[in-house]
Amino acid sequence: MTSGGDLSEAFRAEVSAEFAFLVEDAGFSGPEQTDDGFLFHSSGLDVEVWFLDGHEPVVATLIAPVASDGVRARGAWLDELYVLSGCGPAQDVPGSAPTRRATLKRVHQHAAALRRLMPLLLTAEGAQLIARCRQD
């Protein structure tokens, strides 16, 4: 595997490219860099994409509702939302990223799943879906 710096740069570039639809089509701002990845922000939702480079590296995407006063509620994981909404199986949104190639592929898969789910997330039904995932 390449050095951590090379991978984090590749991850950063891949997230910027693959999740650009959030900014271009859905009115999000960002991406803002966080400790483990990136944050995209809109008036009603935050989307965080992380690369957690631990013993078993993973790519994870969290969607969190943001109230009108700017207070962020607890979020739900993309794979859970994807399955619960009926968009497809959890296998469409894998997290395991043991290699550079797998990491970049996961970013692509998460972006594709979020693109499919986003029209629903931007509705009142989307808020209910997030709330249901958080209860499980």
Protein backbone atom coordinates (compact mmCIF):
# COMPACT_ATOMS: atom_id res chain seq x y z
CA MET A 1 0.00 0.00 0.00
CA THR A 2 1.15 3.55 -0.58
CA SER A 3 2.13 5.80 2.28
CA GLY A 4 -0.63 7.32 4.37
CA GLY A 5 -0.06 10.77 2.93
CA ASP A 6 -0.50 9.56 -0.64
CA LEU A 7 -3.67 7.72 0.28
CA SER A 8 -5.16 10.65 2.19
CA GLU A 9 -4.48 12.93 -0.79
CA ALA A 10 -6.07 10.41 -3.15
CA PHE A 11 -9.02 10.01 -0.76
CA ARG A 12 -9.42 13.80 -0.59
CA ALA A 13 -9.37 14.15 -4.38
CA GLU A 14 -11.79 11.25 -4.84
CA VAL A 15 -14.28 12.60 -2.28
CA SER A 16 -14.11 16.08 -3.83
CA ALA A 17 -14.85 14.66 -7.28
CA GLU A 18 -17.38 11.95 -6.40
CA PHE A 19 -19.42 14.01 -3.93
CA ALA A 20 -19.35 17.21 -6.04
CA PHE A 21 -23.01 16.60 -6.90
CA LEU A 22 -23.89 17.64 -3.33
CA VAL A 23 -22.51 21.12 -4.01
CA GLU A 24 -23.45 21.38 -7.68
CA ASP A 25 -26.94 19.84 -7.59
CA ALA A 26 -28.18 19.75 -3.99
CA GLY A 27 -27.09 23.14 -2.63
CA PHE A 28 -24.54 21.93 -0.10
CA SER A 29 -21.42 23.84 0.86
CA GLY A 30 -18.04 22.23 1.27
CA PRO A 31 -16.24 20.07 1.47
CA GLU A 32 -14.71 21.16 4.77
CA GLN A 33 -11.84 18.99 5.96
CA THR A 34 -12.35 17.26 9.32
CA ASP A 35 -10.00 15.07 11.37
CA ASP A 36 -11.05 11.90 9.53
CA GLY A 37 -12.50 13.14 6.25
CA PHE A 38 -14.89 15.72 4.90
CA LEU A 39 -18.08 17.53 5.83
CA PHE A 40 -20.68 18.81 3.39
CA HIS A 41 -23.28 21.12 4.92
CA SER A 42 -26.72 22.32 3.88
CA SER A 43 -29.48 24.11 5.74
CA GLY A 44 -31.10 20.79 6.67
CA LEU A 45 -28.44 18.08 6.44
CA ASP A 46 -24.79 17.41 7.11
CA VAL A 47 -23.00 14.67 5.17
CA GLU A 48 -19.68 13.44 6.54
CA VAL A 49 -17.41 11.08 4.60
CA TRP A 50 -14.65 9.48 6.64
CA PHE A 51 -11.64 7.30 6.02
CA LEU A 52 -10.85 5.56 9.30
CA ASP A 53 -7.37 4.10 8.91
CA GLY A 54 -7.24 1.75 11.87
CA HIS A 55 -6.60 -1.96 12.21
CA GLU A 56 -9.37 -2.60 9.67
CA PRO A 57 -9.59 0.55 7.50
CA VAL A 58 -13.08 1.67 6.48
CA VAL A 59 -14.84 4.36 4.51
CA ALA A 60 -17.97 5.53 6.34
CA THR A 61 -20.63 8.10 5.46
CA LEU A 62 -22.87 9.70 8.08
CA ILE A 63 -25.96 11.78 7.34
CA ALA A 64 -27.17 14.04 10.14
CA PRO A 65 -30.19 16.34 10.21
CA VAL A 66 -29.60 19.99 11.10
CA ALA A 67 -32.46 21.95 12.69
CA SER A 68 -33.44 25.43 11.52
CA ASP A 69 -31.53 26.89 14.51
CA GLY A 70 -28.34 25.16 13.29
CA VAL A 71 -28.32 22.44 15.95
CA ARG A 72 -27.19 19.11 14.55
CA ALA A 73 -29.02 15.97 15.63
CA ARG A 74 -27.51 12.50 15.84
CA GLY A 75 -26.98 11.07 12.38
CA ALA A 76 -27.51 7.76 10.66
CA TRP A 77 -25.11 5.67 8.56
CA LEU A 78 -25.55 5.72 4.81
CA ASP A 79 -25.71 1.92 4.46
CA GLU A 80 -28.55 1.70 7.01
CA LEU A 81 -30.50 4.53 5.35
CA TYR A 82 -29.94 2.97 1.93
CA VAL A 83 -31.35 -0.40 3.00
CA LEU A 84 -34.25 1.01 5.07
CA SER A 85 -35.34 3.27 2.21
CA GLY A 86 -35.52 0.31 -0.17
CA CYS A 87 -32.78 1.66 -2.47
CA GLY A 88 -30.89 -1.62 -2.36
CA PRO A 89 -28.86 -4.04 -0.23
CA ALA A 90 -26.14 -3.08 2.24
CA GLN A 91 -23.62 -4.69 -0.14
CA ASP A 92 -24.07 -1.64 -2.40
CA VAL A 93 -22.45 0.49 0.33
CA PRO A 94 -19.50 -1.54 1.69
CA GLY A 95 -17.12 0.04 4.16
CA SER A 96 -14.06 -2.22 4.26
CA ALA A 97 -11.09 -0.45 2.67
CA PRO A 98 -7.94 -2.56 3.17
CA THR A 99 -6.11 -1.22 0.10
CA ARG A 100 -5.75 2.07 -1.75
CA ARG A 101 -7.81 0.71 -4.63
CA ALA A 102 -10.57 -0.49 -2.29
CA THR A 103 -10.62 2.86 -0.47
CA LEU A 104 -11.15 4.80 -3.68
CA LYS A 105 -13.75 2.29 -4.88
CA ARG A 106 -15.65 2.68 -1.57
CA VAL A 107 -15.75 6.46 -2.05
CA HIS A 108 -17.29 5.90 -5.49
CA GLN A 109 -19.82 3.38 -4.10
CA HIS A 110 -20.83 5.65 -1.22
CA ALA A 111 -21.29 8.61 -3.58
CA ALA A 112 -23.42 6.49 -5.95
CA ALA A 113 -25.60 5.29 -3.05
CA LEU A 114 -26.00 8.80 -1.67
CA ARG A 115 -26.85 10.16 -5.12
CA ARG A 116 -29.63 7.57 -5.34
CA LEU A 117 -30.86 8.31 -1.81
CA MET A 118 -30.54 12.12 -1.84
CA PRO A 119 -33.93 12.97 -3.45
CA LEU A 120 -35.62 11.12 -0.58
CA LEU A 121 -33.36 12.61 2.11
CA LEU A 122 -34.35 16.13 1.07
CA THR A 123 -38.03 15.44 1.89
CA ALA A 124 -39.97 15.12 5.16
CA GLU A 125 -39.91 11.37 4.57
CA GLY A 126 -36.11 11.54 4.62
CA ALA A 127 -36.14 13.10 8.08
CA GLN A 128 -38.40 10.30 9.29
CA LEU A 129 -36.08 7.73 7.72
CA ILE A 130 -33.07 9.16 9.58
CA ALA A 131 -35.05 9.18 12.83
CA ARG A 132 -36.03 5.50 12.32
CA CYS A 133 -32.39 4.50 11.73
CA ARG A 134 -31.29 6.25 14.90
CA GLN A 135 -33.84 4.29 16.97
CA ASP A 136 -32.59 0.87 15.83
